[in-house]
Amino acid sequence: MQFIKNLVRDEAGATAIEYGLIAALIAVAAITAMTSLGNNLSGTFTTIGDKMESAEGAGG
């Protein structure tokens, strides 16, 4: 019975769980930001490629 009481009072596991949740939140935020940045870069490079193709066709 004393072992169970000690487990209930022990907060070291709770701290590890909190750190895990913070790390997971940071990971989700980073993935979201990188996905958004990737989509923006993809659109930018597509626009640049289209303009280069049209310039090549006009000059050729």
PDB file of N, CA and C in Angstrom:
ATOM      1  N   MET A   1       0.828  -1.202   0.000  1.00  0.00           N
ATOM      2  CA  MET A   1       0.000   0.000   0.000  1.00  0.00           C
ATOM      3  C   MET A   1       0.869   1.261   0.000  1.00  0.00           C
ATOM      4  N   GLN A   2       1.969   1.200   0.733  1.00  0.00           N
ATOM      5  CA  GLN A   2       2.878   2.345   0.783  1.00  0.00           C
ATOM      6  C   GLN A   2       3.480   2.630  -0.604  1.00  0.00           C
ATOM      7  N   PHE A   3       3.734   1.568  -1.372  1.00  0.00           N
ATOM      8  CA  PHE A   3       4.293   1.719  -2.715  1.00  0.00           C
ATOM      9  C   PHE A   3       3.345   2.516  -3.613  1.00  0.00           C
ATOM     10  N   ILE A   4       2.063   2.229  -3.527  1.00  0.00           N
ATOM     11  CA  ILE A   4       1.064   2.928  -4.351  1.00  0.00           C
ATOM     12  C   ILE A   4       0.976   4.392  -3.934  1.00  0.00           C
ATOM     13  N   LYS A   5       1.043   4.669  -2.641  1.00  0.00           N
ATOM     14  CA  LYS A   5       1.015   6.059  -2.174  1.00  0.00           C
ATOM     15  C   LYS A   5       2.234   6.829  -2.680  1.00  0.00           C
ATOM     16  N   ASN A   6       3.381   6.164  -2.671  1.00  0.00           N
ATOM     17  CA  ASN A   6       4.594   6.820  -3.177  1.00  0.00           C
ATOM     18  C   ASN A   6       4.477   7.104  -4.673  1.00  0.00           C
ATOM     19  N   LEU A   7       3.875   6.190  -5.426  1.00  0.00           N
ATOM     20  CA  LEU A   7       3.694   6.406  -6.850  1.00  0.00           C
ATOM     21  C   LEU A   7       2.778   7.586  -7.127  1.00  0.00           C
ATOM     22  N   VAL A   8       1.733   7.729  -6.323  1.00  0.00           N
ATOM     23  CA  VAL A   8       0.786   8.823  -6.507  1.00  0.00           C
ATOM     24  C   VAL A   8       1.455  10.160  -6.220  1.00  0.00           C
ATOM     25  N   ARG A   9       2.336  10.198  -5.226  1.00  0.00           N
ATOM     26  CA  ARG A   9       3.005  11.446  -4.845  1.00  0.00           C
ATOM     27  C   ARG A   9       4.173  11.798  -5.759  1.00  0.00           C
ATOM     28  N   ASP A  10       4.723  10.817  -6.450  1.00  0.00           N
ATOM     29  CA  ASP A  10       5.881  11.043  -7.309  1.00  0.00           C
ATOM     30  C   ASP A  10       5.474  11.874  -8.517  1.00  0.00           C
ATOM     31  N   GLU A  11       6.106  13.033  -8.692  1.00  0.00           N
ATOM     32  CA  GLU A  11       5.756  13.922  -9.793  1.00  0.00           C
ATOM     33  C   GLU A  11       6.780  13.893 -10.917  1.00  0.00           C
ATOM     34  N   ALA A  12       7.786  13.057 -10.831  1.00  0.00           N
ATOM     35  CA  ALA A  12       8.817  13.003 -11.871  1.00  0.00           C
ATOM     36  C   ALA A  12       8.226  12.526 -13.196  1.00  0.00           C
ATOM     37  N   GLY A  13       7.326  11.576 -13.172  1.00  0.00           N
ATOM     38  CA  GLY A  13       6.689  11.084 -14.385  1.00  0.00           C
ATOM     39  C   GLY A  13       5.826  12.152 -15.029  1.00  0.00           C
ATOM     40  N   ALA A  14       5.150  12.944 -14.202  1.00  0.00           N
ATOM     41  CA  ALA A  14       4.300  14.018 -14.724  1.00  0.00           C
ATOM     42  C   ALA A  14       5.146  15.056 -15.449  1.00  0.00           C
ATOM     43  N   THR A  15       6.318  15.339 -14.915  1.00  0.00           N
ATOM     44  CA  THR A  15       7.197  16.307 -15.555  1.00  0.00           C
ATOM     45  C   THR A  15       7.651  15.793 -16.917  1.00  0.00           C
ATOM     46  N   ALA A  16       7.989  14.530 -17.010  1.00  0.00           N
ATOM     47  CA  ALA A  16       8.412  13.948 -18.282  1.00  0.00           C
ATOM     48  C   ALA A  16       7.274  13.998 -19.296  1.00  0.00           C
ATOM     49  N   ILE A  17       6.073  13.730 -18.848  1.00  0.00           N
ATOM     50  CA  ILE A  17       4.919  13.793 -19.748  1.00  0.00           C
ATOM     51  C   ILE A  17       4.703  15.226 -20.240  1.00  0.00           C
ATOM     52  N   GLU A  18       4.859  16.191 -19.357  1.00  0.00           N
ATOM     53  CA  GLU A  18       4.705  17.590 -19.754  1.00  0.00           C
ATOM     54  C   GLU A  18       5.735  17.971 -20.808  1.00  0.00           C
ATOM     55  N   TYR A  19       6.981  17.555 -20.612  1.00  0.00           N
ATOM     56  CA  TYR A  19       8.021  17.835 -21.605  1.00  0.00           C
ATOM     57  C   TYR A  19       7.694  17.149 -22.933  1.00  0.00           C
ATOM     58  N   GLY A  20       7.167  15.962 -22.862  1.00  0.00           N
ATOM     59  CA  GLY A  20       6.778  15.250 -24.080  1.00  0.00           C
ATOM     60  C   GLY A  20       5.673  15.973 -24.830  1.00  0.00           C
ATOM     61  N   LEU A  21       4.704  16.484 -24.088  1.00  0.00           N
ATOM     62  CA  LEU A  21       3.610  17.230 -24.720  1.00  0.00           C
ATOM     63  C   LEU A  21       4.101  18.532 -25.340  1.00  0.00           C
ATOM     64  N   ILE A  22       5.019  19.209 -24.660  1.00  0.00           N
ATOM     65  CA  ILE A  22       5.580  20.441 -25.210  1.00  0.00           C
ATOM     66  C   ILE A  22       6.356  20.134 -26.492  1.00  0.00           C
ATOM     67  N   ALA A  23       7.152  19.063 -26.469  1.00  0.00           N
ATOM     68  CA  ALA A  23       7.913  18.679 -27.664  1.00  0.00           C
ATOM     69  C   ALA A  23       6.975  18.332 -28.818  1.00  0.00           C
ATOM     70  N   ALA A  24       5.881  17.639 -28.527  1.00  0.00           N
ATOM     71  CA  ALA A  24       4.917  17.288 -29.570  1.00  0.00           C
ATOM     72  C   ALA A  24       4.268  18.546 -30.143  1.00  0.00           C
ATOM     73  N   LEU A  25       3.944  19.504 -29.297  1.00  0.00           N
ATOM     74  CA  LEU A  25       3.341  20.753 -29.757  1.00  0.00           C
ATOM     75  C   LEU A  25       4.304  21.524 -30.656  1.00  0.00           C
ATOM     76  N   ILE A  26       5.561  21.575 -30.262  1.00  0.00           N
ATOM     77  CA  ILE A  26       6.565  22.256 -31.074  1.00  0.00           C
ATOM     78  C   ILE A  26       6.722  21.557 -32.420  1.00  0.00           C
ATOM     79  N   ALA A  27       6.703  20.227 -32.410  1.00  0.00           N
ATOM     80  CA  ALA A  27       6.837  19.468 -33.658  1.00  0.00           C
ATOM     81  C   ALA A  27       5.666  19.749 -34.591  1.00  0.00           C
ATOM     82  N   VAL A  28       4.459  19.779 -34.055  1.00  0.00           N
ATOM     83  CA  VAL A  28       3.279  20.063 -34.890  1.00  0.00           C
ATOM     84  C   VAL A  28       3.371  21.470 -35.469  1.00  0.00           C
ATOM     85  N   ALA A  29       3.791  22.440 -34.664  1.00  0.00           N
ATOM     86  CA  ALA A  29       3.922  23.812 -35.157  1.00  0.00           C
ATOM     87  C   ALA A  29       4.990  23.893 -36.249  1.00  0.00           C
ATOM     88  N   ALA A  30       6.102  23.196 -36.055  1.00  0.00           N
ATOM     89  CA  ALA A  30       7.178  23.220 -37.056  1.00  0.00           C
ATOM     90  C   ALA A  30       6.724  22.571 -38.356  1.00  0.00           C
ATOM     91  N   ILE A  31       6.034  21.454 -38.268  1.00  0.00           N
ATOM     92  CA  ILE A  31       5.548  20.768 -39.471  1.00  0.00           C
ATOM     93  C   ILE A  31       4.557  21.655 -40.224  1.00  0.00           C
ATOM     94  N   THR A  32       3.673  22.314 -39.500  1.00  0.00           N
ATOM     95  CA  THR A  32       2.696  23.203 -40.119  1.00  0.00           C
ATOM     96  C   THR A  32       3.396  24.367 -40.829  1.00  0.00           C
ATOM     97  N   ALA A  33       4.376  24.959 -40.159  1.00  0.00           N
ATOM     98  CA  ALA A  33       5.101  26.086 -40.756  1.00  0.00           C
ATOM     99  C   ALA A  33       5.879  25.642 -41.985  1.00  0.00           C
ATOM    100  N   MET A  34       6.533  24.490 -41.902  1.00  0.00           N
ATOM    101  CA  MET A  34       7.329  24.012 -43.036  1.00  0.00           C
ATOM    102  C   MET A  34       6.447  23.633 -44.223  1.00  0.00           C
ATOM    103  N   THR A  35       5.276  23.097 -43.952  1.00  0.00           N
ATOM    104  CA  THR A  35       4.351  22.754 -45.030  1.00  0.00           C
ATOM    105  C   THR A  35       3.882  24.011 -45.748  1.00  0.00           C
ATOM    106  N   SER A  36       3.547  25.014 -44.972  1.00  0.00           N
ATOM    107  CA  SER A  36       3.105  26.284 -45.558  1.00  0.00           C
ATOM    108  C   SER A  36       4.229  26.922 -46.368  1.00  0.00           C
ATOM    109  N   LEU A  37       5.426  26.922 -45.828  1.00  0.00           N
ATOM    110  CA  LEU A  37       6.574  27.487 -46.531  1.00  0.00           C
ATOM    111  C   LEU A  37       6.851  26.708 -47.813  1.00  0.00           C
ATOM    112  N   GLY A  38       6.746  25.388 -47.750  1.00  0.00           N
ATOM    113  CA  GLY A  38       6.971  24.563 -48.932  1.00  0.00           C
ATOM    114  C   GLY A  38       5.967  24.855 -50.029  1.00  0.00           C
ATOM    115  N   ASN A  39       4.711  25.022 -49.656  1.00  0.00           N
ATOM    116  CA  ASN A  39       3.690  25.356 -50.654  1.00  0.00           C
ATOM    117  C   ASN A  39       3.956  26.710 -51.288  1.00  0.00           C
ATOM    118  N   ASN A  40       4.364  27.684 -50.477  1.00  0.00           N
ATOM    119  CA  ASN A  40       4.664  29.017 -51.012  1.00  0.00           C
ATOM    120  C   ASN A  40       5.863  28.961 -51.957  1.00  0.00           C
ATOM    121  N   LEU A  41       6.897  28.224 -51.572  1.00  0.00           N
ATOM    122  CA  LEU A  41       8.077  28.112 -52.430  1.00  0.00           C
ATOM    123  C   LEU A  41       7.742  27.396 -53.730  1.00  0.00           C
ATOM    124  N   SER A  42       6.915  26.389 -53.653  1.00  0.00           N
ATOM    125  CA  SER A  42       6.520  25.667 -54.852  1.00  0.00           C
ATOM    126  C   SER A  42       5.797  26.600 -55.828  1.00  0.00           C
ATOM    127  N   GLY A  43       4.896  27.398 -55.304  1.00  0.00           N
ATOM    128  CA  GLY A  43       4.185  28.363 -56.140  1.00  0.00           C
ATOM    129  C   GLY A  43       5.122  29.392 -56.743  1.00  0.00           C
ATOM    130  N   THR A  44       6.088  29.844 -55.963  1.00  0.00           N
ATOM    131  CA  THR A  44       7.050  30.831 -56.450  1.00  0.00           C
ATOM    132  C   THR A  44       7.892  30.253 -57.579  1.00  0.00           C
ATOM    133  N   PHE A  45       8.404  29.046 -57.393  1.00  0.00           N
ATOM    134  CA  PHE A  45       9.227  28.438 -58.435  1.00  0.00           C
ATOM    135  C   PHE A  45       8.414  28.101 -59.683  1.00  0.00           C
ATOM    136  N   THR A  46       7.165  27.749 -59.504  1.00  0.00           N
ATOM    137  CA  THR A  46       6.304  27.505 -60.669  1.00  0.00           C
ATOM    138  C   THR A  46       6.118  28.792 -61.464  1.00  0.00           C
ATOM    139  N   THR A  47       5.868  29.893 -60.776  1.00  0.00           N
ATOM    140  CA  THR A  47       5.708  31.188 -61.439  1.00  0.00           C
ATOM    141  C   THR A  47       6.983  31.583 -62.178  1.00  0.00           C
ATOM    142  N   ILE A  48       8.128  31.408 -61.524  1.00  0.00           N
ATOM    143  CA  ILE A  48       9.406  31.749 -62.152  1.00  0.00           C
ATOM    144  C   ILE A  48       9.629  30.881 -63.392  1.00  0.00           C
ATOM    145  N   GLY A  49       9.361  29.595 -63.274  1.00  0.00           N
ATOM    146  CA  GLY A  49       9.528  28.694 -64.413  1.00  0.00           C
ATOM    147  C   GLY A  49       8.631  29.058 -65.575  1.00  0.00           C
ATOM    148  N   ASP A  50       7.392  29.413 -65.284  1.00  0.00           N
ATOM    149  CA  ASP A  50       6.459  29.815 -66.343  1.00  0.00           C
ATOM    150  C   ASP A  50       6.943  31.081 -67.056  1.00  0.00           C
ATOM    151  N   LYS A  51       7.434  32.051 -66.278  1.00  0.00           N
ATOM    152  CA  LYS A  51       7.917  33.291 -66.881  1.00  0.00           C
ATOM    153  C   LYS A  51       9.165  33.043 -67.716  1.00  0.00           C
ATOM    154  N   MET A  52      10.023  32.141 -67.258  1.00  0.00           N
ATOM    155  CA  MET A  52      11.230  31.835 -68.044  1.00  0.00           C
ATOM    156  C   MET A  52      10.870  31.143 -69.351  1.00  0.00           C
ATOM    157  N   GLU A  53       9.860  30.248 -69.294  1.00  0.00           N
ATOM    158  CA  GLU A  53       9.425  29.569 -70.518  1.00  0.00           C
ATOM    159  C   GLU A  53       8.810  30.550 -71.502  1.00  0.00           C
ATOM    160  N   SER A  54       8.006  31.481 -70.994  1.00  0.00           N
ATOM    161  CA  SER A  54       7.376  32.454 -71.905  1.00  0.00           C
ATOM    162  C   SER A  54       8.424  33.411 -72.480  1.00  0.00           C
ATOM    163  N   ALA A  55       9.438  33.750 -71.696  1.00  0.00           N
ATOM    164  CA  ALA A  55      10.504  34.620 -72.201  1.00  0.00           C
ATOM    165  C   ALA A  55      11.337  33.901 -73.246  1.00  0.00           C
ATOM    166  N   GLU A  56      11.563  32.622 -73.041  1.00  0.00           N
ATOM    167  CA  GLU A  56      12.314  31.818 -74.002  1.00  0.00           C
ATOM    168  C   GLU A  56      11.538  31.701 -75.309  1.00  0.00           C
ATOM    169  N   GLY A  57      10.242  31.510 -75.215  1.00  0.00           N
ATOM    170  CA  GLY A  57       9.410  31.378 -76.417  1.00  0.00           C
ATOM    171  C   GLY A  57       9.316  32.693 -77.177  1.00  0.00           C
ATOM    172  N   ALA A  58       9.318  33.816 -76.473  1.00  0.00           N
ATOM    173  CA  ALA A  58       9.189  35.111 -77.124  1.00  0.00           C
ATOM    174  C   ALA A  58      10.502  35.515 -77.799  1.00  0.00           C
ATOM    175  N   GLY A  59      11.616  35.085 -77.218  1.00  0.00           N
ATOM    176  CA  GLY A  59      12.901  35.504 -77.767  1.00  0.00           C
ATOM    177  C   GLY A  59      13.440  34.548 -78.827  1.00  0.00           C
ATOM    178  N   GLY A  60      12.887  33.339 -78.897  1.00  0.00           N
ATOM    179  CA  GLY A  60      13.464  32.316 -79.700  1.00  0.00           C
ATOM    180  C   GLY A  60      13.181  32.306 -81.118  1.00  0.00           C
TER     181      GLY A  60
END
